[in-house]
Amino acid sequence: LGHLGPTGVDELATANLRFSSGFTASVACAVRHELGTAVTIYGEGGRVELPDPWLPGGQRQGTESSFTIYNNDGDGAPETVTVRAALPVYALQAELVADAVAARALEPAWPAMGWSDSQGNLRVLDQWRAAIYDPKGE
């Protein structure tokens, strides 16, 4: 679902996603509303909370981020894990792509996100936007 503004921009969009693995996700984004940037991942044994997954430490050039693990078993306090990078996220992405292009590599050196993953994400985003025009998703 979503709302298109007068210029055709999707100003608010929500989606419920289901993956072939059985994993599900509810996502939302907006340009006219403050939705925050937090992500919570729920599992059978607890949850993981990421306060700023796209902007480490809430800063565009941030190099340090963290996430907190909460166990359902009630044993122990939540565990916060801090992650530090040598460069900001977008600089790391740009370097990986530049290295892959320079090497004429079929896939970037980073195994977590290949070209086919990027293309798959773009297909889903295109389908999401198309569904905003047609709420039935047809």
N, C-alpha and C. Protein backbone atom coordinates (compact mmCIF):
# COMPACT_ATOMS: atom_id res chain seq x y z
N LEU A 1 0.85 -1.18 0.00
CA LEU A 1 0.00 0.00 0.00
C LEU A 1 0.88 1.23 0.00
N GLY A 2 0.31 2.35 -0.40
CA GLY A 2 1.09 3.56 -0.36
C GLY A 2 0.28 4.77 -0.79
N HIS A 3 0.93 5.91 -0.72
CA HIS A 3 0.32 7.17 -1.13
C HIS A 3 1.28 7.87 -2.08
N LEU A 4 0.75 8.23 -3.26
CA LEU A 4 1.53 8.99 -4.22
C LEU A 4 1.19 10.46 -4.07
N GLY A 5 2.24 11.28 -4.00
CA GLY A 5 2.04 12.72 -3.89
C GLY A 5 1.71 13.33 -5.24
N PRO A 6 1.47 14.63 -5.29
CA PRO A 6 1.06 15.32 -6.51
C PRO A 6 2.09 15.21 -7.64
N THR A 7 3.36 14.98 -7.31
CA THR A 7 4.38 14.86 -8.35
C THR A 7 4.58 13.42 -8.79
N GLY A 8 3.84 12.47 -8.19
CA GLY A 8 3.98 11.06 -8.54
C GLY A 8 4.96 10.31 -7.67
N VAL A 9 5.57 10.99 -6.72
CA VAL A 9 6.51 10.35 -5.80
C VAL A 9 5.74 9.55 -4.76
N ASP A 10 6.21 8.34 -4.48
CA ASP A 10 5.59 7.54 -3.43
C ASP A 10 6.02 8.11 -2.08
N GLU A 11 5.16 8.91 -1.49
CA GLU A 11 5.48 9.63 -0.26
C GLU A 11 5.39 8.73 0.98
N LEU A 12 4.59 7.69 0.91
CA LEU A 12 4.45 6.73 2.00
C LEU A 12 4.16 5.38 1.38
N ALA A 13 4.89 4.36 1.79
CA ALA A 13 4.66 3.02 1.24
C ALA A 13 4.89 1.98 2.32
N THR A 14 4.03 0.97 2.34
CA THR A 14 4.18 -0.14 3.27
C THR A 14 4.04 -1.44 2.47
N ALA A 15 4.67 -2.49 2.95
CA ALA A 15 4.56 -3.79 2.28
C ALA A 15 4.76 -4.90 3.29
N ASN A 16 4.07 -5.99 3.04
CA ASN A 16 4.30 -7.23 3.77
C ASN A 16 4.96 -8.18 2.78
N LEU A 17 6.15 -8.65 3.12
CA LEU A 17 6.93 -9.49 2.22
C LEU A 17 6.97 -10.93 2.73
N ARG A 18 6.95 -11.87 1.80
CA ARG A 18 7.11 -13.29 2.15
C ARG A 18 8.16 -13.86 1.21
N PHE A 19 9.17 -14.49 1.79
CA PHE A 19 10.26 -15.05 1.02
C PHE A 19 10.08 -16.56 0.87
N SER A 20 10.73 -17.15 -0.12
CA SER A 20 10.59 -18.58 -0.38
C SER A 20 11.05 -19.42 0.81
N SER A 21 11.90 -18.87 1.65
CA SER A 21 12.38 -19.59 2.84
C SER A 21 11.32 -19.66 3.94
N GLY A 22 10.24 -18.87 3.79
CA GLY A 22 9.21 -18.78 4.84
C GLY A 22 9.38 -17.55 5.70
N PHE A 23 10.48 -16.86 5.57
CA PHE A 23 10.74 -15.61 6.30
C PHE A 23 9.75 -14.56 5.84
N THR A 24 9.23 -13.77 6.77
CA THR A 24 8.32 -12.68 6.43
C THR A 24 8.85 -11.38 6.99
N ALA A 25 8.45 -10.27 6.37
CA ALA A 25 8.89 -8.96 6.84
C ALA A 25 7.79 -7.94 6.56
N SER A 26 7.64 -6.99 7.46
CA SER A 26 6.78 -5.84 7.27
C SER A 26 7.70 -4.63 7.18
N VAL A 27 7.57 -3.88 6.09
CA VAL A 27 8.46 -2.74 5.87
C VAL A 27 7.64 -1.50 5.54
N ALA A 28 8.21 -0.35 5.83
CA ALA A 28 7.57 0.92 5.52
C ALA A 28 8.65 1.96 5.25
N CYS A 29 8.34 2.89 4.36
CA CYS A 29 9.24 4.01 4.10
C CYS A 29 8.40 5.24 3.77
N ALA A 30 8.98 6.41 4.00
CA ALA A 30 8.24 7.64 3.76
C ALA A 30 9.20 8.80 3.55
N VAL A 31 8.75 9.77 2.77
CA VAL A 31 9.52 11.00 2.61
C VAL A 31 8.82 12.17 3.29
N ARG A 32 7.57 12.02 3.64
CA ARG A 32 6.82 13.11 4.28
C ARG A 32 6.48 12.81 5.74
N HIS A 33 6.85 11.65 6.22
CA HIS A 33 6.53 11.25 7.59
C HIS A 33 7.79 10.72 8.26
N GLU A 34 7.93 10.94 9.54
CA GLU A 34 9.06 10.44 10.31
C GLU A 34 8.72 9.04 10.81
N LEU A 35 9.30 8.04 10.17
CA LEU A 35 9.06 6.66 10.58
C LEU A 35 10.18 6.10 11.43
N GLY A 36 11.29 6.82 11.51
CA GLY A 36 12.45 6.29 12.22
C GLY A 36 13.23 5.37 11.31
N THR A 37 14.32 4.84 11.84
CA THR A 37 15.18 3.97 11.03
C THR A 37 15.44 2.62 11.68
N ALA A 38 14.82 2.34 12.78
CA ALA A 38 15.10 1.11 13.51
C ALA A 38 14.56 -0.12 12.80
N VAL A 39 15.25 -1.23 13.02
CA VAL A 39 14.82 -2.54 12.51
C VAL A 39 14.79 -3.49 13.69
N THR A 40 13.73 -4.29 13.78
CA THR A 40 13.65 -5.34 14.80
C THR A 40 13.41 -6.65 14.08
N ILE A 41 14.24 -7.63 14.38
CA ILE A 41 14.12 -8.96 13.80
C ILE A 41 13.67 -9.91 14.90
N TYR A 42 12.53 -10.56 14.71
CA TYR A 42 11.99 -11.48 15.70
C TYR A 42 12.26 -12.91 15.29
N GLY A 43 12.59 -13.74 16.26
CA GLY A 43 12.79 -15.16 16.03
C GLY A 43 12.19 -15.95 17.17
N GLU A 44 12.27 -17.25 17.08
CA GLU A 44 11.70 -18.11 18.12
C GLU A 44 12.37 -17.90 19.47
N GLY A 45 13.67 -17.59 19.47
CA GLY A 45 14.40 -17.47 20.73
C GLY A 45 14.54 -16.07 21.26
N GLY A 46 14.02 -15.08 20.53
CA GLY A 46 14.16 -13.70 20.99
C GLY A 46 14.08 -12.72 19.84
N ARG A 47 14.80 -11.62 19.97
CA ARG A 47 14.78 -10.59 18.94
C ARG A 47 16.13 -9.88 18.89
N VAL A 48 16.39 -9.23 17.77
CA VAL A 48 17.58 -8.41 17.57
C VAL A 48 17.09 -7.03 17.17
N GLU A 49 17.59 -5.99 17.82
CA GLU A 49 17.21 -4.62 17.51
C GLU A 49 18.41 -3.86 16.95
N LEU A 50 18.19 -3.22 15.80
CA LEU A 50 19.21 -2.40 15.15
C LEU A 50 18.68 -0.98 15.10
N PRO A 51 19.26 -0.05 15.86
CA PRO A 51 18.72 1.31 15.91
C PRO A 51 18.94 2.11 14.63
N ASP A 52 20.04 1.90 13.93
CA ASP A 52 20.37 2.67 12.74
C ASP A 52 21.07 1.79 11.71
N PRO A 53 20.37 0.84 11.09
CA PRO A 53 21.06 -0.09 10.20
C PRO A 53 21.63 0.53 8.93
N TRP A 54 21.08 1.64 8.45
CA TRP A 54 21.55 2.25 7.22
C TRP A 54 22.52 3.39 7.46
N LEU A 55 22.47 4.00 8.61
CA LEU A 55 23.38 5.10 8.95
C LEU A 55 24.04 4.77 10.28
N PRO A 56 25.21 4.16 10.24
CA PRO A 56 25.88 3.76 11.48
C PRO A 56 25.97 4.90 12.49
N GLY A 57 25.48 4.64 13.69
CA GLY A 57 25.49 5.65 14.72
C GLY A 57 24.60 6.84 14.40
N GLY A 58 23.71 6.68 13.39
CA GLY A 58 22.82 7.77 13.01
C GLY A 58 23.51 8.85 12.19
N GLN A 59 24.71 8.56 11.70
CA GLN A 59 25.48 9.57 10.95
C GLN A 59 25.80 9.03 9.56
N ARG A 60 25.61 9.87 8.54
CA ARG A 60 25.87 9.46 7.15
C ARG A 60 27.30 8.95 6.97
N GLN A 61 28.26 9.54 7.63
CA GLN A 61 29.65 9.13 7.51
C GLN A 61 30.11 8.29 8.72
N GLY A 62 29.15 7.74 9.46
CA GLY A 62 29.48 6.95 10.64
C GLY A 62 30.23 5.67 10.31
N THR A 63 31.08 5.26 11.20
CA THR A 63 31.84 4.02 11.02
C THR A 63 31.63 3.05 12.18
N GLU A 64 30.76 3.39 13.11
CA GLU A 64 30.49 2.52 14.25
C GLU A 64 28.99 2.37 14.43
N SER A 65 28.56 1.13 14.59
CA SER A 65 27.16 0.84 14.80
C SER A 65 27.04 -0.26 15.84
N SER A 66 25.81 -0.55 16.24
CA SER A 66 25.61 -1.62 17.21
C SER A 66 24.23 -2.24 17.02
N PHE A 67 24.08 -3.41 17.59
CA PHE A 67 22.77 -4.06 17.65
C PHE A 67 22.68 -4.76 18.99
N THR A 68 21.46 -4.99 19.45
CA THR A 68 21.24 -5.60 20.75
C THR A 68 20.43 -6.88 20.59
N ILE A 69 20.88 -7.93 21.26
CA ILE A 69 20.22 -9.23 21.22
C ILE A 69 19.48 -9.44 22.52
N TYR A 70 18.20 -9.76 22.41
CA TYR A 70 17.35 -10.04 23.57
C TYR A 70 16.89 -11.50 23.47
N ASN A 71 17.19 -12.29 24.50
CA ASN A 71 16.78 -13.68 24.52
C ASN A 71 15.46 -13.83 25.26
N ASN A 72 14.59 -14.71 24.74
CA ASN A 72 13.31 -14.97 25.38
C ASN A 72 13.43 -15.83 26.62
N ASP A 73 14.54 -16.51 26.79
CA ASP A 73 14.65 -17.46 27.90
C ASP A 73 14.75 -16.77 29.27
N GLY A 74 14.97 -15.47 29.29
CA GLY A 74 15.02 -14.74 30.55
C GLY A 74 16.33 -14.85 31.28
N ASP A 75 17.27 -15.63 30.75
CA ASP A 75 18.58 -15.78 31.38
C ASP A 75 19.52 -14.69 30.89
N GLY A 76 20.00 -13.87 31.77
CA GLY A 76 20.98 -12.86 31.41
C GLY A 76 20.39 -11.59 30.84
N ALA A 77 21.24 -10.59 30.82
CA ALA A 77 20.85 -9.27 30.30
C ALA A 77 20.98 -9.25 28.78
N PRO A 78 20.35 -8.30 28.14
CA PRO A 78 20.52 -8.16 26.69
C PRO A 78 22.00 -7.95 26.36
N GLU A 79 22.41 -8.43 25.19
CA GLU A 79 23.81 -8.29 24.77
C GLU A 79 23.89 -7.29 23.63
N THR A 80 24.70 -6.24 23.81
CA THR A 80 24.90 -5.25 22.75
C THR A 80 26.22 -5.53 22.07
N VAL A 81 26.18 -5.62 20.74
CA VAL A 81 27.37 -5.90 19.93
C VAL A 81 27.69 -4.63 19.13
N THR A 82 28.92 -4.18 19.22
CA THR A 82 29.37 -3.00 18.48
C THR A 82 30.18 -3.45 17.28
N VAL A 83 29.93 -2.83 16.14
CA VAL A 83 30.62 -3.15 14.90
C VAL A 83 31.31 -1.88 14.40
N ARG A 84 32.58 -1.99 14.08
CA ARG A 84 33.34 -0.85 13.58
C ARG A 84 33.86 -1.15 12.18
N ALA A 85 33.82 -0.16 11.30
CA ALA A 85 34.32 -0.30 9.94
C ALA A 85 35.42 0.74 9.70
N ALA A 86 36.30 0.43 8.77
CA ALA A 86 37.38 1.36 8.45
C ALA A 86 36.89 2.58 7.68
N LEU A 87 35.81 2.40 6.92
CA LEU A 87 35.25 3.47 6.10
C LEU A 87 33.74 3.54 6.29
N PRO A 88 33.11 4.66 5.97
CA PRO A 88 31.65 4.73 6.02
C PRO A 88 31.03 3.72 5.05
N VAL A 89 29.79 3.33 5.31
CA VAL A 89 29.10 2.30 4.54
C VAL A 89 29.10 2.59 3.05
N TYR A 90 28.73 3.80 2.65
CA TYR A 90 28.64 4.10 1.22
C TYR A 90 30.01 4.09 0.57
N ALA A 91 31.05 4.46 1.29
CA ALA A 91 32.41 4.39 0.75
C ALA A 91 32.81 2.94 0.54
N LEU A 92 32.46 2.06 1.48
CA LEU A 92 32.76 0.64 1.32
C LEU A 92 32.04 0.07 0.09
N GLN A 93 30.77 0.42 -0.08
CA GLN A 93 30.02 -0.06 -1.24
C GLN A 93 30.64 0.43 -2.54
N ALA A 94 30.99 1.71 -2.58
CA ALA A 94 31.57 2.29 -3.80
C ALA A 94 32.90 1.61 -4.13
N GLU A 95 33.73 1.35 -3.13
CA GLU A 95 35.01 0.69 -3.37
C GLU A 95 34.83 -0.74 -3.89
N LEU A 96 33.89 -1.48 -3.32
CA LEU A 96 33.64 -2.85 -3.78
C LEU A 96 33.17 -2.89 -5.23
N VAL A 97 32.25 -2.00 -5.58
CA VAL A 97 31.76 -1.95 -6.96
C VAL A 97 32.88 -1.50 -7.89
N ALA A 98 33.63 -0.47 -7.52
CA ALA A 98 34.73 0.01 -8.36
C ALA A 98 35.76 -1.10 -8.58
N ASP A 99 36.10 -1.85 -7.54
CA ASP A 99 37.05 -2.95 -7.67
C ASP A 99 36.51 -4.02 -8.62
N ALA A 100 35.22 -4.35 -8.51
CA ALA A 100 34.62 -5.37 -9.37
C ALA A 100 34.61 -4.92 -10.83
N VAL A 101 34.28 -3.64 -11.06
CA VAL A 101 34.25 -3.12 -12.42
C VAL A 101 35.66 -3.10 -13.00
N ALA A 102 36.63 -2.63 -12.22
CA ALA A 102 38.01 -2.56 -12.70
C ALA A 102 38.55 -3.95 -13.03
N ALA A 103 38.16 -4.94 -12.25
CA ALA A 103 38.62 -6.32 -12.48
C ALA A 103 37.74 -7.05 -13.49
N ARG A 104 36.71 -6.37 -13.97
CA ARG A 104 35.73 -6.97 -14.89
C ARG A 104 35.19 -8.28 -14.31
N ALA A 105 34.96 -8.23 -13.00
CA ALA A 105 34.45 -9.40 -12.28
C ALA A 105 32.97 -9.57 -12.53
N LEU A 106 32.56 -10.82 -12.67
CA LEU A 106 31.14 -11.10 -12.85
C LEU A 106 30.36 -10.84 -11.58
N GLU A 107 31.01 -10.95 -10.46
CA GLU A 107 30.39 -10.68 -9.15
C GLU A 107 31.37 -9.87 -8.32
N PRO A 108 30.86 -8.97 -7.45
CA PRO A 108 31.75 -8.24 -6.55
C PRO A 108 32.40 -9.20 -5.55
N ALA A 109 33.48 -8.78 -4.94
CA ALA A 109 34.20 -9.62 -3.99
C ALA A 109 33.41 -9.85 -2.70
N TRP A 110 32.41 -9.04 -2.45
CA TRP A 110 31.63 -9.16 -1.22
C TRP A 110 30.56 -10.24 -1.41
N PRO A 111 30.66 -11.36 -0.72
CA PRO A 111 29.73 -12.48 -0.98
C PRO A 111 28.31 -12.26 -0.47
N ALA A 112 28.10 -11.29 0.40
CA ALA A 112 26.77 -11.11 1.00
C ALA A 112 25.79 -10.45 0.05
N MET A 113 26.27 -9.77 -1.00
CA MET A 113 25.36 -9.04 -1.89
C MET A 113 25.95 -9.02 -3.29
N GLY A 114 25.50 -9.92 -4.15
CA GLY A 114 25.98 -9.96 -5.52
C GLY A 114 25.08 -9.19 -6.46
N TRP A 115 25.46 -9.19 -7.76
CA TRP A 115 24.67 -8.47 -8.76
C TRP A 115 23.24 -9.01 -8.81
N SER A 116 23.07 -10.33 -8.76
CA SER A 116 21.73 -10.91 -8.85
C SER A 116 20.88 -10.50 -7.65
N ASP A 117 21.51 -10.36 -6.47
CA ASP A 117 20.77 -9.87 -5.30
C ASP A 117 20.30 -8.44 -5.53
N SER A 118 21.17 -7.61 -6.07
CA SER A 118 20.82 -6.22 -6.35
C SER A 118 19.68 -6.15 -7.36
N GLN A 119 19.76 -6.96 -8.41
CA GLN A 119 18.71 -6.97 -9.41
C GLN A 119 17.40 -7.48 -8.81
N GLY A 120 17.47 -8.48 -7.95
CA GLY A 120 16.28 -8.98 -7.28
C GLY A 120 15.63 -7.91 -6.42
N ASN A 121 16.45 -7.15 -5.69
CA ASN A 121 15.92 -6.05 -4.87
C ASN A 121 15.22 -5.02 -5.75
N LEU A 122 15.81 -4.69 -6.88
CA LEU A 122 15.20 -3.71 -7.78
C LEU A 122 13.87 -4.23 -8.34
N ARG A 123 13.81 -5.52 -8.67
CA ARG A 123 12.54 -6.08 -9.16
C ARG A 123 11.45 -5.96 -8.09
N VAL A 124 11.79 -6.26 -6.83
CA VAL A 124 10.81 -6.16 -5.74
C VAL A 124 10.38 -4.71 -5.55
N LEU A 125 11.32 -3.77 -5.60
CA LEU A 125 10.96 -2.36 -5.47
C LEU A 125 10.05 -1.91 -6.61
N ASP A 126 10.32 -2.38 -7.84
CA ASP A 126 9.45 -2.05 -8.97
C ASP A 126 8.05 -2.62 -8.77
N GLN A 127 7.96 -3.86 -8.28
CA GLN A 127 6.66 -4.48 -8.02
C GLN A 127 5.91 -3.73 -6.92
N TRP A 128 6.64 -3.31 -5.90
CA TRP A 128 6.04 -2.57 -4.79
C TRP A 128 5.44 -1.27 -5.31
N ARG A 129 6.22 -0.55 -6.08
CA ARG A 129 5.71 0.73 -6.62
C ARG A 129 4.51 0.49 -7.53
N ALA A 130 4.57 -0.53 -8.37
CA ALA A 130 3.44 -0.84 -9.25
C ALA A 130 2.19 -1.17 -8.45
N ALA A 131 2.36 -1.83 -7.31
CA ALA A 131 1.20 -2.19 -6.46
C ALA A 131 0.56 -0.95 -5.84
N ILE A 132 1.33 0.10 -5.66
CA ILE A 132 0.75 1.33 -5.12
C ILE A 132 -0.25 1.91 -6.12
N TYR A 133 0.06 1.80 -7.40
CA TYR A 133 -0.85 2.26 -8.45
C TYR A 133 -2.08 1.38 -8.51
N ASP A 134 -1.90 0.08 -8.29
CA ASP A 134 -3.00 -0.87 -8.36
C ASP A 134 -3.05 -1.64 -7.03
N PRO A 135 -3.88 -1.20 -6.08
CA PRO A 135 -3.91 -1.82 -4.74
C PRO A 135 -4.18 -3.32 -4.76
N LYS A 136 -4.77 -3.85 -5.84
CA LYS A 136 -5.02 -5.29 -5.92
C LYS A 136 -3.75 -6.05 -6.28
N GLY A 137 -2.71 -5.34 -6.72
CA GLY A 137 -1.46 -5.98 -7.07
C GLY A 137 -1.53 -6.71 -8.40
N GLU A 138 -2.50 -6.39 -9.24
CA GLU A 138 -2.66 -7.05 -10.52
C GLU A 138 -1.89 -6.35 -11.63
